């Protein structure tokens, strides 16, 4: 599995070779919102109660990858080490939630 740092570099290399430059941060934030909306549309139809339309048949994995791509773009252009940030987040929630979910009656019934 490729470390997040390498994913960030792969996206940066692609942007420099094919994308000319990054879209500005606000544009990328709007694109991220669009991509998350596409994921929500698939989830609501595949796992929820909405029915599919002819135009709705998209691949969930591909849409999730679109979200990841834009997140990696935002991390790169804001000089965020996403690998370090993710590792810090995992440590934080592991320490905070070590027993929280096991003790939640709603999850264990």
C-alpha atoms as a PDB file:
ATOM      1  CA  UNK A   1       0.000   0.000   0.000  1.00  0.00           C
ATOM      2  CA  UNK A   2       1.285   3.429  -0.944  1.00  0.00           C
ATOM      3  CA  UNK A   3       1.870   5.847   1.964  1.00  0.00           C
ATOM      4  CA  UNK A   4      -0.183   9.039   1.899  1.00  0.00           C
ATOM      5  CA  UNK A   5       2.984  11.101   1.351  1.00  0.00           C
ATOM      6  CA  UNK A   6       3.562   9.217  -1.883  1.00  0.00           C
ATOM      7  CA  UNK A   7      -0.058   9.745  -2.923  1.00  0.00           C
ATOM      8  CA  UNK A   8       0.398  13.474  -2.331  1.00  0.00           C
ATOM      9  CA  UNK A   9       3.547  13.430  -4.482  1.00  0.00           C
ATOM     10  CA  UNK A  10       1.812  11.428  -7.222  1.00  0.00           C
ATOM     11  CA  UNK A  11      -1.002  14.005  -7.356  1.00  0.00           C
ATOM     12  CA  UNK A  12       1.495  16.889  -7.342  1.00  0.00           C
ATOM     13  CA  UNK A  13       3.460  15.294 -10.208  1.00  0.00           C
ATOM     14  CA  UNK A  14       0.239  14.796 -12.179  1.00  0.00           C
ATOM     15  CA  UNK A  15      -0.868  18.398 -11.624  1.00  0.00           C
ATOM     16  CA  UNK A  16       2.504  19.701 -12.796  1.00  0.00           C
ATOM     17  CA  UNK A  17       2.551  17.450 -15.879  1.00  0.00           C
ATOM     18  CA  UNK A  18      -1.090  17.498 -16.987  1.00  0.00           C
ATOM     19  CA  UNK A  19      -2.996  20.041 -14.941  1.00  0.00           C
ATOM     20  CA  UNK A  20      -0.781  23.091 -15.542  1.00  0.00           C
ATOM     21  CA  UNK A  21      -1.397  24.301 -11.959  1.00  0.00           C
ATOM     22  CA  UNK A  22      -3.677  23.705  -8.996  1.00  0.00           C
ATOM     23  CA  UNK A  23      -7.080  25.346  -8.996  1.00  0.00           C
ATOM     24  CA  UNK A  24      -7.225  27.851  -6.155  1.00  0.00           C
ATOM     25  CA  UNK A  25      -8.238  26.547  -2.730  1.00  0.00           C
ATOM     26  CA  UNK A  26     -11.795  27.886  -2.895  1.00  0.00           C
ATOM     27  CA  UNK A  27     -12.369  26.250  -6.282  1.00  0.00           C
ATOM     28  CA  UNK A  28     -11.002  22.964  -4.979  1.00  0.00           C
ATOM     29  CA  UNK A  29     -13.255  23.229  -1.937  1.00  0.00           C
ATOM     30  CA  UNK A  30     -16.253  23.640  -4.238  1.00  0.00           C
ATOM     31  CA  UNK A  31     -15.080  20.673  -6.339  1.00  0.00           C
ATOM     32  CA  UNK A  32     -14.697  18.602  -3.153  1.00  0.00           C
ATOM     33  CA  UNK A  33     -18.273  19.455  -2.193  1.00  0.00           C
ATOM     34  CA  UNK A  34     -19.470  18.365  -5.638  1.00  0.00           C
ATOM     35  CA  UNK A  35     -17.587  15.074  -5.402  1.00  0.00           C
ATOM     36  CA  UNK A  36     -18.917  14.332  -1.905  1.00  0.00           C
ATOM     37  CA  UNK A  37     -22.391  15.031  -3.272  1.00  0.00           C
ATOM     38  CA  UNK A  38     -21.848  12.423  -5.983  1.00  0.00           C
ATOM     39  CA  UNK A  39     -20.825   9.889  -3.328  1.00  0.00           C
ATOM     40  CA  UNK A  40     -23.938  10.767  -1.317  1.00  0.00           C
ATOM     41  CA  UNK A  41     -26.131  10.276  -4.383  1.00  0.00           C
ATOM     42  CA  UNK A  42     -24.765   6.767  -4.956  1.00  0.00           C
ATOM     43  CA  UNK A  43     -25.005   5.814  -1.271  1.00  0.00           C
ATOM     44  CA  UNK A  44     -28.576   7.121  -0.968  1.00  0.00           C
ATOM     45  CA  UNK A  45     -29.660   5.056  -3.944  1.00  0.00           C
ATOM     46  CA  UNK A  46     -27.613   1.915  -3.371  1.00  0.00           C
ATOM     47  CA  UNK A  47     -28.047   1.650   0.404  1.00  0.00           C
ATOM     48  CA  UNK A  48     -30.898   4.056   1.091  1.00  0.00           C
ATOM     49  CA  UNK A  49     -34.482   4.258  -0.012  1.00  0.00           C
ATOM     50  CA  UNK A  50     -34.115   6.378  -3.150  1.00  0.00           C
ATOM     51  CA  UNK A  51     -34.413   4.645  -6.507  1.00  0.00           C
ATOM     52  CA  UNK A  52     -31.822   4.929  -9.247  1.00  0.00           C
ATOM     53  CA  UNK A  53     -32.307   7.147 -12.278  1.00  0.00           C
ATOM     54  CA  UNK A  54     -30.723   6.210 -15.593  1.00  0.00           C
ATOM     55  CA  UNK A  55     -28.079   8.905 -15.037  1.00  0.00           C
ATOM     56  CA  UNK A  56     -27.216   7.653 -11.520  1.00  0.00           C
ATOM     57  CA  UNK A  57     -25.270   4.533 -12.403  1.00  0.00           C
ATOM     58  CA  UNK A  58     -21.758   5.546 -11.413  1.00  0.00           C
ATOM     59  CA  UNK A  59     -19.028   3.574  -9.683  1.00  0.00           C
ATOM     60  CA  UNK A  60     -18.779   4.266  -5.932  1.00  0.00           C
ATOM     61  CA  UNK A  61     -15.053   3.479  -5.864  1.00  0.00           C
ATOM     62  CA  UNK A  62     -14.381   5.921  -8.661  1.00  0.00           C
ATOM     63  CA  UNK A  63     -16.350   8.655  -6.911  1.00  0.00           C
ATOM     64  CA  UNK A  64     -14.549   8.021  -3.606  1.00  0.00           C
ATOM     65  CA  UNK A  65     -11.253   8.239  -5.513  1.00  0.00           C
ATOM     66  CA  UNK A  66     -12.378  11.630  -6.870  1.00  0.00           C
ATOM     67  CA  UNK A  67     -12.902  12.803  -3.284  1.00  0.00           C
ATOM     68  CA  UNK A  68      -9.456  11.515  -2.287  1.00  0.00           C
ATOM     69  CA  UNK A  69      -7.808  13.222  -5.271  1.00  0.00           C
ATOM     70  CA  UNK A  70      -9.260  16.623  -4.359  1.00  0.00           C
ATOM     71  CA  UNK A  71      -8.385  16.151  -0.661  1.00  0.00           C
ATOM     72  CA  UNK A  72      -4.803  15.406  -1.704  1.00  0.00           C
ATOM     73  CA  UNK A  73      -4.801  18.530  -3.893  1.00  0.00           C
ATOM     74  CA  UNK A  74      -5.981  20.663  -0.977  1.00  0.00           C
ATOM     75  CA  UNK A  75      -3.355  19.124   1.306  1.00  0.00           C
ATOM     76  CA  UNK A  76      -0.613  19.840  -1.220  1.00  0.00           C
ATOM     77  CA  UNK A  77      -1.560  23.416  -1.889  1.00  0.00           C
ATOM     78  CA  UNK A  78      -1.915  24.226   1.827  1.00  0.00           C
ATOM     79  CA  UNK A  79       1.403  22.519   2.677  1.00  0.00           C
ATOM     80  CA  UNK A  80      -0.336  19.964   4.873  1.00  0.00           C
ATOM     81  CA  UNK A  81       1.487  16.715   5.566  1.00  0.00           C
ATOM     82  CA  UNK A  82      -1.591  14.517   5.411  1.00  0.00           C
ATOM     83  CA  UNK A  83       0.354  11.411   6.481  1.00  0.00           C
ATOM     84  CA  UNK A  84       1.467  13.076   9.729  1.00  0.00           C
ATOM     85  CA  UNK A  85      -1.962  14.613  10.288  1.00  0.00           C
ATOM     86  CA  UNK A  86      -3.694  11.266   9.776  1.00  0.00           C
ATOM     87  CA  UNK A  87      -1.320   9.460  12.123  1.00  0.00           C
ATOM     88  CA  UNK A  88      -1.899  12.168  14.761  1.00  0.00           C
ATOM     89  CA  UNK A  89      -5.695  11.840  14.303  1.00  0.00           C
ATOM     90  CA  UNK A  90      -5.562   8.035  14.674  1.00  0.00           C
ATOM     91  CA  UNK A  91      -3.560   8.342  17.895  1.00  0.00           C
ATOM     92  CA  UNK A  92      -5.983  10.955  19.255  1.00  0.00           C
ATOM     93  CA  UNK A  93      -9.153   8.988  18.549  1.00  0.00           C
ATOM     94  CA  UNK A  94      -7.591   5.716  19.718  1.00  0.00           C
ATOM     95  CA  UNK A  95      -6.735   7.265  23.069  1.00  0.00           C
ATOM     96  CA  UNK A  96     -10.044   9.080  23.369  1.00  0.00           C
ATOM     97  CA  UNK A  97     -12.318   6.311  22.136  1.00  0.00           C
ATOM     98  CA  UNK A  98     -10.544   3.158  23.335  1.00  0.00           C
ATOM     99  CA  UNK A  99     -13.664   1.978  25.180  1.00  0.00           C
ATOM    100  CA  UNK A 100     -16.267   4.524  24.145  1.00  0.00           C
ATOM    101  CA  UNK A 101     -17.850   2.535  21.338  1.00  0.00           C
ATOM    102  CA  UNK A 102     -17.650  -0.793  23.172  1.00  0.00           C
ATOM    103  CA  UNK A 103     -19.529   0.813  26.059  1.00  0.00           C
ATOM    104  CA  UNK A 104     -22.220   2.318  23.812  1.00  0.00           C
ATOM    105  CA  UNK A 105     -25.439   0.377  24.391  1.00  0.00           C
ATOM    106  CA  UNK A 106     -26.834   1.602  21.067  1.00  0.00           C
ATOM    107  CA  UNK A 107     -24.029  -0.186  19.212  1.00  0.00           C
ATOM    108  CA  UNK A 108     -24.146  -3.338  21.301  1.00  0.00           C
ATOM    109  CA  UNK A 109     -27.838  -4.137  21.178  1.00  0.00           C
END
